[in-house]
């Protein structure tokens, strides 16, 4: 069985993704800078696919596998602390 997203919603600091196996996972918006900076209307304008979530206007793709493995936006590496 392939697990995919059924619904996506947001609060001030978190993206909530409801999966086809009825789990709901929450990830911090800090993991996805484009989504964090987007307007509520831009965040609502997403498309679901069997493998993930796509925001065309934001050029953002989030894979379900990545979320389940605890990965955020890999195009923006985290800052290193000296």
C-alpha atoms as a PDB file:
ATOM      1  CA  UNK A   1       0.000   0.000   0.000  1.00  0.00           C
ATOM      2  CA  UNK A   2       1.317   3.414  -0.970  1.00  0.00           C
ATOM      3  CA  UNK A   3       0.775   6.118   1.608  1.00  0.00           C
ATOM      4  CA  UNK A   4      -0.141   9.510   0.187  1.00  0.00           C
ATOM      5  CA  UNK A   5      -1.575  12.804   1.403  1.00  0.00           C
ATOM      6  CA  UNK A   6      -5.348  13.358   1.606  1.00  0.00           C
ATOM      7  CA  UNK A   7      -5.383  16.903   2.982  1.00  0.00           C
ATOM      8  CA  UNK A   8      -2.991  19.669   3.968  1.00  0.00           C
ATOM      9  CA  UNK A   9      -3.659  22.467   6.433  1.00  0.00           C
ATOM     10  CA  UNK A  10      -1.617  25.012   8.326  1.00  0.00           C
ATOM     11  CA  UNK A  11      -1.539  26.875  11.584  1.00  0.00           C
ATOM     12  CA  UNK A  12       0.849  29.664  12.501  1.00  0.00           C
ATOM     13  CA  UNK A  13       3.926  27.427  12.885  1.00  0.00           C
ATOM     14  CA  UNK A  14       3.024  23.981  11.515  1.00  0.00           C
ATOM     15  CA  UNK A  15       2.004  22.187   8.341  1.00  0.00           C
ATOM     16  CA  UNK A  16      -0.434  19.354   9.094  1.00  0.00           C
ATOM     17  CA  UNK A  17      -0.712  16.526   6.562  1.00  0.00           C
ATOM     18  CA  UNK A  18      -3.479  13.927   6.763  1.00  0.00           C
ATOM     19  CA  UNK A  19      -2.369  10.659   5.173  1.00  0.00           C
ATOM     20  CA  UNK A  20      -4.376   7.939   3.443  1.00  0.00           C
ATOM     21  CA  UNK A  21      -3.648   5.583   6.369  1.00  0.00           C
ATOM     22  CA  UNK A  22      -5.439   8.110   8.661  1.00  0.00           C
ATOM     23  CA  UNK A  23      -2.302   9.370  10.380  1.00  0.00           C
ATOM     24  CA  UNK A  24      -1.874  13.114  10.731  1.00  0.00           C
ATOM     25  CA  UNK A  25       1.677  14.388  10.847  1.00  0.00           C
ATOM     26  CA  UNK A  26       2.753  17.881  11.779  1.00  0.00           C
ATOM     27  CA  UNK A  27       6.002  19.429  10.615  1.00  0.00           C
ATOM     28  CA  UNK A  28       7.393  22.847  11.503  1.00  0.00           C
ATOM     29  CA  UNK A  29       7.074  25.493   8.798  1.00  0.00           C
ATOM     30  CA  UNK A  30      10.706  26.343   9.542  1.00  0.00           C
ATOM     31  CA  UNK A  31      11.551  23.164   7.587  1.00  0.00           C
ATOM     32  CA  UNK A  32      10.089  24.775   4.445  1.00  0.00           C
ATOM     33  CA  UNK A  33      11.079  28.451   4.097  1.00  0.00           C
ATOM     34  CA  UNK A  34       8.943  29.049   0.976  1.00  0.00           C
ATOM     35  CA  UNK A  35       5.828  27.802   2.746  1.00  0.00           C
ATOM     36  CA  UNK A  36       6.693  29.729   5.906  1.00  0.00           C
ATOM     37  CA  UNK A  37       6.897  32.985   3.940  1.00  0.00           C
ATOM     38  CA  UNK A  38       3.846  32.276   1.746  1.00  0.00           C
ATOM     39  CA  UNK A  39       0.427  33.816   2.255  1.00  0.00           C
ATOM     40  CA  UNK A  40      -2.500  31.707   3.481  1.00  0.00           C
ATOM     41  CA  UNK A  41      -3.958  31.828  -0.035  1.00  0.00           C
ATOM     42  CA  UNK A  42      -0.713  30.601  -1.587  1.00  0.00           C
ATOM     43  CA  UNK A  43      -0.524  27.735   0.912  1.00  0.00           C
ATOM     44  CA  UNK A  44      -4.073  26.650   0.026  1.00  0.00           C
ATOM     45  CA  UNK A  45      -3.181  26.403  -3.671  1.00  0.00           C
ATOM     46  CA  UNK A  46      -1.622  22.929  -3.660  1.00  0.00           C
ATOM     47  CA  UNK A  47      -1.941  19.761  -5.717  1.00  0.00           C
ATOM     48  CA  UNK A  48      -1.738  16.236  -4.320  1.00  0.00           C
ATOM     49  CA  UNK A  49      -0.030  13.372  -6.105  1.00  0.00           C
ATOM     50  CA  UNK A  50       0.606   9.779  -5.037  1.00  0.00           C
ATOM     51  CA  UNK A  51       4.122  10.754  -3.903  1.00  0.00           C
ATOM     52  CA  UNK A  52       3.684  14.228  -2.456  1.00  0.00           C
ATOM     53  CA  UNK A  53       2.363  17.777  -2.419  1.00  0.00           C
ATOM     54  CA  UNK A  54       3.091  20.487  -4.988  1.00  0.00           C
ATOM     55  CA  UNK A  55       2.659  24.272  -4.846  1.00  0.00           C
ATOM     56  CA  UNK A  56       3.097  25.516  -8.412  1.00  0.00           C
ATOM     57  CA  UNK A  57       3.123  29.234  -7.600  1.00  0.00           C
ATOM     58  CA  UNK A  58       5.756  28.688  -4.890  1.00  0.00           C
ATOM     59  CA  UNK A  59       7.856  26.170  -6.849  1.00  0.00           C
ATOM     60  CA  UNK A  60       7.678  23.897  -3.791  1.00  0.00           C
ATOM     61  CA  UNK A  61       7.452  20.101  -3.729  1.00  0.00           C
ATOM     62  CA  UNK A  62       7.169  18.060  -0.549  1.00  0.00           C
ATOM     63  CA  UNK A  63       7.476  14.288  -0.681  1.00  0.00           C
ATOM     64  CA  UNK A  64       5.498  12.135   1.711  1.00  0.00           C
ATOM     65  CA  UNK A  65       8.500   9.820   2.041  1.00  0.00           C
ATOM     66  CA  UNK A  66      10.623  12.802   3.081  1.00  0.00           C
ATOM     67  CA  UNK A  67       8.092  13.896   5.690  1.00  0.00           C
ATOM     68  CA  UNK A  68       7.878  10.383   7.119  1.00  0.00           C
ATOM     69  CA  UNK A  69      11.682  10.276   7.285  1.00  0.00           C
ATOM     70  CA  UNK A  70      11.904  13.655   9.045  1.00  0.00           C
ATOM     71  CA  UNK A  71      13.373  15.608   6.124  1.00  0.00           C
ATOM     72  CA  UNK A  72      12.546  19.212   5.384  1.00  0.00           C
ATOM     73  CA  UNK A  73      13.478  21.326   2.377  1.00  0.00           C
ATOM     74  CA  UNK A  74      16.761  19.853   1.153  1.00  0.00           C
ATOM     75  CA  UNK A  75      17.354  22.785  -1.228  1.00  0.00           C
ATOM     76  CA  UNK A  76      18.052  25.032   1.792  1.00  0.00           C
ATOM     77  CA  UNK A  77      20.709  23.373   3.976  1.00  0.00           C
ATOM     78  CA  UNK A  78      20.494  24.226   7.690  1.00  0.00           C
ATOM     79  CA  UNK A  79      22.853  26.866   9.028  1.00  0.00           C
ATOM     80  CA  UNK A  80      25.919  25.529  10.759  1.00  0.00           C
ATOM     81  CA  UNK A  81      26.791  26.724  14.233  1.00  0.00           C
ATOM     82  CA  UNK A  82      30.487  27.450  14.813  1.00  0.00           C
END
